[in-house]
N, C-alpha and C. Protein backbone atom coordinates (compact mmCIF):
# COMPACT_ATOMS: atom_id res chain seq x y z
N UNK A 1 -19.36 20.49 2.19
CA UNK A 1 -18.73 21.10 3.33
C UNK A 1 -17.76 22.16 2.84
N UNK A 2 -17.76 23.31 3.49
CA UNK A 2 -16.87 24.40 3.09
C UNK A 2 -15.66 24.44 3.99
N UNK A 3 -14.67 25.20 3.59
CA UNK A 3 -13.47 25.36 4.40
C UNK A 3 -13.83 25.98 5.75
N UNK A 4 -14.81 26.90 5.76
CA UNK A 4 -15.22 27.52 7.02
C UNK A 4 -15.77 26.47 7.98
N UNK A 5 -16.51 25.52 7.46
CA UNK A 5 -17.05 24.46 8.31
C UNK A 5 -15.93 23.63 8.90
N UNK A 6 -14.89 23.31 8.12
CA UNK A 6 -13.75 22.56 8.63
C UNK A 6 -13.09 23.31 9.78
N UNK A 7 -12.91 24.62 9.63
CA UNK A 7 -12.30 25.43 10.67
C UNK A 7 -13.16 25.41 11.92
N UNK A 8 -14.48 25.55 11.78
CA UNK A 8 -15.37 25.53 12.92
C UNK A 8 -15.28 24.19 13.65
N UNK A 9 -15.17 23.10 12.91
CA UNK A 9 -15.15 21.78 13.53
C UNK A 9 -13.89 21.58 14.34
N UNK A 10 -12.74 22.05 13.89
CA UNK A 10 -11.51 21.85 14.64
C UNK A 10 -11.33 22.90 15.72
N UNK A 11 -11.92 24.08 15.55
CA UNK A 11 -11.77 25.14 16.53
C UNK A 11 -12.32 24.72 17.89
N UNK A 12 -13.33 23.84 17.91
CA UNK A 12 -13.91 23.43 19.18
C UNK A 12 -12.93 22.60 20.01
N UNK A 13 -11.88 22.11 19.41
CA UNK A 13 -10.89 21.31 20.12
C UNK A 13 -9.73 22.14 20.66
N UNK A 14 -9.49 23.29 20.07
CA UNK A 14 -8.35 24.10 20.45
C UNK A 14 -8.42 24.51 21.91
N UNK A 15 -7.25 24.49 22.56
CA UNK A 15 -7.15 24.88 23.95
C UNK A 15 -6.29 23.91 24.73
N UNK A 16 -6.26 24.12 26.04
CA UNK A 16 -5.48 23.29 26.94
C UNK A 16 -6.44 22.40 27.71
N UNK A 17 -6.16 21.10 27.70
CA UNK A 17 -7.03 20.10 28.31
C UNK A 17 -6.29 19.37 29.42
N UNK A 18 -6.95 19.20 30.56
CA UNK A 18 -6.44 18.36 31.64
C UNK A 18 -7.06 16.99 31.46
N UNK A 19 -6.21 15.98 31.19
CA UNK A 19 -6.69 14.62 30.93
C UNK A 19 -6.36 13.69 32.10
N UNK A 20 -7.22 12.71 32.28
CA UNK A 20 -6.98 11.61 33.20
C UNK A 20 -7.15 10.32 32.42
N UNK A 21 -6.13 9.46 32.48
CA UNK A 21 -6.18 8.16 31.82
C UNK A 21 -6.23 7.11 32.93
N UNK A 22 -7.32 6.34 32.97
CA UNK A 22 -7.50 5.31 33.98
C UNK A 22 -6.91 4.00 33.47
N UNK A 23 -5.67 3.72 33.86
CA UNK A 23 -4.97 2.52 33.39
C UNK A 23 -5.11 1.41 34.43
N UNK A 24 -4.78 0.18 34.06
CA UNK A 24 -4.83 -0.92 35.03
C UNK A 24 -3.90 -0.72 36.23
N UNK A 25 -2.87 0.12 36.09
CA UNK A 25 -1.93 0.36 37.18
C UNK A 25 -2.18 1.68 37.90
N UNK A 26 -3.29 2.35 37.60
CA UNK A 26 -3.62 3.60 38.28
C UNK A 26 -3.92 4.72 37.29
N UNK A 27 -4.33 5.84 37.85
CA UNK A 27 -4.67 7.02 37.04
C UNK A 27 -3.43 7.82 36.69
N UNK A 28 -3.36 8.21 35.43
CA UNK A 28 -2.26 9.05 34.95
C UNK A 28 -2.85 10.39 34.53
N UNK A 29 -2.27 11.46 35.03
CA UNK A 29 -2.68 12.82 34.68
C UNK A 29 -1.78 13.34 33.58
N UNK A 30 -2.36 14.05 32.63
CA UNK A 30 -1.59 14.66 31.55
C UNK A 30 -2.27 15.95 31.14
N UNK A 31 -1.52 16.81 30.50
CA UNK A 31 -2.05 18.05 29.94
C UNK A 31 -1.80 18.00 28.43
N UNK A 32 -2.85 18.24 27.66
CA UNK A 32 -2.74 18.23 26.20
C UNK A 32 -3.17 19.59 25.67
N UNK A 33 -2.38 20.14 24.76
CA UNK A 33 -2.74 21.41 24.13
C UNK A 33 -2.90 21.21 22.64
N UNK A 34 -4.06 21.65 22.13
CA UNK A 34 -4.32 21.66 20.69
C UNK A 34 -4.35 23.12 20.25
N UNK A 35 -3.67 23.43 19.13
CA UNK A 35 -3.68 24.79 18.60
C UNK A 35 -3.47 24.75 17.09
N UNK A 36 -3.75 25.89 16.47
CA UNK A 36 -3.55 26.01 15.03
C UNK A 36 -2.15 26.54 14.76
N UNK A 37 -1.50 25.92 13.78
CA UNK A 37 -0.19 26.39 13.34
C UNK A 37 -0.14 26.26 11.84
N UNK A 38 0.04 27.37 11.16
CA UNK A 38 0.08 27.38 9.69
C UNK A 38 -1.14 26.71 9.08
N UNK A 39 -2.32 26.92 9.69
CA UNK A 39 -3.56 26.39 9.15
C UNK A 39 -3.87 24.95 9.51
N UNK A 40 -2.96 24.30 10.24
CA UNK A 40 -3.18 22.91 10.64
C UNK A 40 -3.34 22.81 12.14
N UNK A 41 -4.04 21.78 12.57
CA UNK A 41 -4.20 21.52 13.99
C UNK A 41 -3.00 20.72 14.47
N UNK A 42 -2.30 21.23 15.49
CA UNK A 42 -1.15 20.56 16.08
C UNK A 42 -1.36 20.44 17.57
N UNK A 43 -0.55 19.62 18.22
CA UNK A 43 -0.71 19.48 19.65
C UNK A 43 0.52 18.91 20.32
N UNK A 44 0.52 19.05 21.65
CA UNK A 44 1.59 18.52 22.47
C UNK A 44 0.97 18.01 23.76
N UNK A 45 1.50 16.89 24.26
CA UNK A 45 1.05 16.33 25.53
C UNK A 45 2.19 16.45 26.53
N UNK A 46 1.84 16.81 27.77
CA UNK A 46 2.82 16.94 28.84
C UNK A 46 2.40 16.08 30.01
N UNK A 47 3.35 15.34 30.54
CA UNK A 47 3.08 14.51 31.71
C UNK A 47 4.25 13.61 31.99
N UNK A 48 4.38 13.16 33.23
CA UNK A 48 5.46 12.26 33.65
C UNK A 48 6.83 12.85 33.31
N UNK A 49 6.94 14.18 33.35
CA UNK A 49 8.23 14.82 33.11
C UNK A 49 8.66 14.90 31.67
N UNK A 50 7.75 14.69 30.71
CA UNK A 50 8.13 14.82 29.31
C UNK A 50 7.02 15.51 28.51
N UNK A 51 7.44 16.18 27.45
CA UNK A 51 6.52 16.80 26.50
C UNK A 51 6.68 16.07 25.18
N UNK A 52 5.57 15.59 24.61
CA UNK A 52 5.64 14.84 23.36
C UNK A 52 4.66 15.42 22.35
N UNK A 53 5.06 15.48 21.08
CA UNK A 53 4.16 15.98 20.05
C UNK A 53 3.05 14.97 19.75
N UNK A 54 1.89 15.48 19.39
CA UNK A 54 0.78 14.64 18.94
C UNK A 54 0.92 14.45 17.44
N UNK A 55 0.57 13.25 16.95
CA UNK A 55 0.66 12.95 15.53
C UNK A 55 -0.71 12.53 15.01
N UNK A 56 -0.89 12.66 13.75
CA UNK A 56 -2.09 12.15 13.06
C UNK A 56 -3.39 12.64 13.71
N UNK A 57 -3.43 13.91 14.09
CA UNK A 57 -4.65 14.46 14.69
C UNK A 57 -5.73 14.52 13.63
N UNK A 58 -6.89 13.94 13.92
CA UNK A 58 -8.01 13.96 12.98
C UNK A 58 -9.29 14.28 13.74
N UNK A 59 -10.06 15.19 13.18
CA UNK A 59 -11.33 15.59 13.78
C UNK A 59 -12.44 15.30 12.78
N UNK A 60 -13.48 14.62 13.24
CA UNK A 60 -14.64 14.32 12.43
C UNK A 60 -15.87 14.66 13.28
N UNK A 61 -16.41 15.84 13.05
CA UNK A 61 -17.52 16.30 13.89
C UNK A 61 -17.04 16.48 15.31
N UNK A 62 -17.67 15.78 16.26
CA UNK A 62 -17.27 15.90 17.66
C UNK A 62 -16.31 14.80 18.07
N UNK A 63 -15.79 14.03 17.12
CA UNK A 63 -14.89 12.92 17.40
C UNK A 63 -13.45 13.30 17.02
N UNK A 64 -12.49 13.02 17.90
CA UNK A 64 -11.09 13.33 17.63
C UNK A 64 -10.23 12.08 17.88
N UNK A 65 -9.23 11.91 17.04
CA UNK A 65 -8.25 10.85 17.25
C UNK A 65 -6.86 11.46 17.12
N UNK A 66 -5.90 10.87 17.83
CA UNK A 66 -4.50 11.27 17.68
C UNK A 66 -3.61 10.15 18.20
N UNK A 67 -2.33 10.25 17.86
CA UNK A 67 -1.32 9.29 18.32
C UNK A 67 -0.20 10.06 19.00
N UNK A 68 0.45 9.39 19.94
CA UNK A 68 1.61 9.96 20.58
C UNK A 68 2.46 8.83 21.13
N UNK A 69 3.74 9.11 21.31
CA UNK A 69 4.67 8.14 21.89
C UNK A 69 5.14 8.70 23.22
N UNK A 70 5.30 7.82 24.21
CA UNK A 70 5.82 8.23 25.51
C UNK A 70 6.97 7.30 25.89
N UNK A 71 7.83 7.78 26.78
CA UNK A 71 8.92 6.94 27.27
C UNK A 71 8.80 6.71 28.78
N UNK A 72 7.92 7.45 29.46
CA UNK A 72 7.75 7.32 30.90
C UNK A 72 6.28 7.06 31.21
N UNK A 73 5.88 6.19 32.06
CA UNK A 73 6.74 5.31 32.84
C UNK A 73 7.31 4.15 32.00
N UNK A 74 6.73 3.89 30.83
CA UNK A 74 7.22 2.87 29.91
C UNK A 74 7.27 3.46 28.51
N UNK A 75 8.04 2.84 27.64
CA UNK A 75 8.08 3.26 26.23
C UNK A 75 6.85 2.65 25.54
N UNK A 76 5.91 3.53 25.15
CA UNK A 76 4.66 3.07 24.54
C UNK A 76 4.26 3.97 23.39
N UNK A 77 3.60 3.40 22.40
CA UNK A 77 2.94 4.16 21.34
C UNK A 77 1.45 4.12 21.65
N UNK A 78 0.86 5.28 21.85
CA UNK A 78 -0.54 5.38 22.27
C UNK A 78 -1.41 5.91 21.14
N UNK A 79 -2.63 5.39 21.07
CA UNK A 79 -3.64 5.86 20.12
C UNK A 79 -4.85 6.28 20.93
N UNK A 80 -5.30 7.53 20.74
CA UNK A 80 -6.44 8.07 21.46
C UNK A 80 -7.62 8.25 20.53
N UNK A 81 -8.81 8.03 21.05
CA UNK A 81 -10.06 8.30 20.34
C UNK A 81 -11.05 8.82 21.38
N UNK A 82 -11.64 9.99 21.10
CA UNK A 82 -12.54 10.59 22.10
C UNK A 82 -13.61 11.43 21.44
N UNK A 83 -14.68 11.62 22.18
CA UNK A 83 -15.73 12.54 21.78
C UNK A 83 -15.56 13.83 22.56
N UNK A 84 -15.76 14.96 21.89
CA UNK A 84 -15.64 16.26 22.53
C UNK A 84 -17.02 16.89 22.59
N UNK A 85 -17.42 17.27 23.79
CA UNK A 85 -18.72 17.90 24.00
C UNK A 85 -18.50 19.16 24.82
N UNK A 86 -18.43 20.30 24.13
CA UNK A 86 -18.16 21.56 24.82
C UNK A 86 -16.77 21.54 25.42
N UNK A 87 -16.70 21.66 26.74
CA UNK A 87 -15.42 21.69 27.44
C UNK A 87 -15.08 20.37 28.11
N UNK A 88 -15.71 19.26 27.66
CA UNK A 88 -15.37 17.95 28.20
C UNK A 88 -15.01 17.01 27.06
N UNK A 89 -14.22 16.02 27.40
CA UNK A 89 -13.74 15.04 26.44
C UNK A 89 -13.83 13.67 27.13
N UNK A 90 -14.25 12.65 26.39
CA UNK A 90 -14.33 11.30 26.96
C UNK A 90 -14.07 10.29 25.85
N UNK A 91 -13.28 9.27 26.18
CA UNK A 91 -12.98 8.25 25.19
C UNK A 91 -12.04 7.22 25.74
N UNK A 92 -11.10 6.77 24.89
CA UNK A 92 -10.19 5.70 25.29
C UNK A 92 -8.82 5.90 24.66
N UNK A 93 -7.85 5.27 25.30
CA UNK A 93 -6.48 5.24 24.80
C UNK A 93 -6.06 3.78 24.73
N UNK A 94 -5.33 3.44 23.67
CA UNK A 94 -4.82 2.06 23.53
C UNK A 94 -3.31 2.12 23.35
N UNK A 95 -2.65 1.15 23.94
CA UNK A 95 -1.21 0.98 23.77
C UNK A 95 -0.99 -0.40 23.19
N UNK A 96 -0.89 -0.46 21.87
CA UNK A 96 -0.68 -1.75 21.21
C UNK A 96 -1.79 -2.73 21.51
N UNK A 97 -1.41 -3.92 21.98
CA UNK A 97 -2.39 -4.97 22.26
C UNK A 97 -2.96 -4.91 23.67
N UNK A 98 -2.50 -3.96 24.46
CA UNK A 98 -3.01 -3.84 25.83
C UNK A 98 -4.48 -3.41 25.79
N UNK A 99 -5.23 -3.70 26.85
CA UNK A 99 -6.64 -3.28 26.89
C UNK A 99 -6.75 -1.75 26.84
N UNK A 100 -7.85 -1.27 26.32
CA UNK A 100 -8.09 0.18 26.25
C UNK A 100 -8.22 0.75 27.66
N UNK A 101 -7.75 1.98 27.82
CA UNK A 101 -7.88 2.70 29.08
C UNK A 101 -8.83 3.86 28.89
N UNK A 102 -9.72 4.08 29.86
CA UNK A 102 -10.68 5.18 29.79
C UNK A 102 -9.96 6.52 29.94
N UNK A 103 -10.34 7.48 29.08
CA UNK A 103 -9.76 8.82 29.10
C UNK A 103 -10.88 9.83 29.31
N UNK A 104 -10.67 10.75 30.24
CA UNK A 104 -11.59 11.86 30.43
C UNK A 104 -10.78 13.15 30.46
N UNK A 105 -11.41 14.24 30.09
CA UNK A 105 -10.70 15.51 30.08
C UNK A 105 -11.62 16.70 30.22
N UNK A 106 -11.02 17.78 30.70
CA UNK A 106 -11.73 19.04 30.86
C UNK A 106 -10.85 20.15 30.29
N UNK A 107 -11.46 21.01 29.47
CA UNK A 107 -10.72 22.13 28.90
C UNK A 107 -10.54 23.20 29.97
N UNK A 108 -9.33 23.74 30.06
CA UNK A 108 -9.08 24.85 30.98
C UNK A 108 -9.79 26.09 30.49
N UNK A 109 -10.27 26.86 31.42
CA UNK A 109 -11.03 28.06 31.04
C UNK A 109 -10.29 29.34 31.41
N UNK A 110 -8.97 29.28 31.49
CA UNK A 110 -8.17 30.47 31.80
C UNK A 110 -8.34 31.51 30.69
N UNK A 111 -8.30 32.78 31.05
CA UNK A 111 -8.39 33.82 30.01
C UNK A 111 -7.29 33.66 28.98
N UNK A 112 -7.53 34.15 27.78
CA UNK A 112 -6.56 34.06 26.70
C UNK A 112 -5.23 34.63 27.16
N UNK A 113 -4.15 33.91 26.90
CA UNK A 113 -2.82 34.37 27.29
C UNK A 113 -2.40 33.85 28.63
N UNK A 114 -3.31 33.25 29.41
CA UNK A 114 -2.95 32.76 30.73
C UNK A 114 -2.90 31.25 30.80
N UNK A 115 -3.20 30.55 29.71
CA UNK A 115 -3.09 29.09 29.69
C UNK A 115 -1.62 28.75 29.66
N UNK A 116 -1.28 27.61 30.29
CA UNK A 116 0.14 27.23 30.35
C UNK A 116 0.71 27.03 29.00
């Protein structure tokens, strides 16, 4: 695998994604942005009135994993795992020992410079 291949694999994730997490207490909407910074893939999640950085982002082909911590509505450490297919994302989120919650997402298609 070449460095160019690594870039191509992570480039498919870059952008702004509208996510829905189907939890036992209802659906939670969030916005996640993945972008390149200094050659690395970084991200931030926004929802419930807070913006939190994504940690441990890893891409393997069309599969992505990341971790994030939230304080609203509860203080939780979340682990996400999803498959990315074009402009859609589907997978699960886990909060510790709680059951996994289904996650779906759609990449925003706003012209460059107009994404939030």
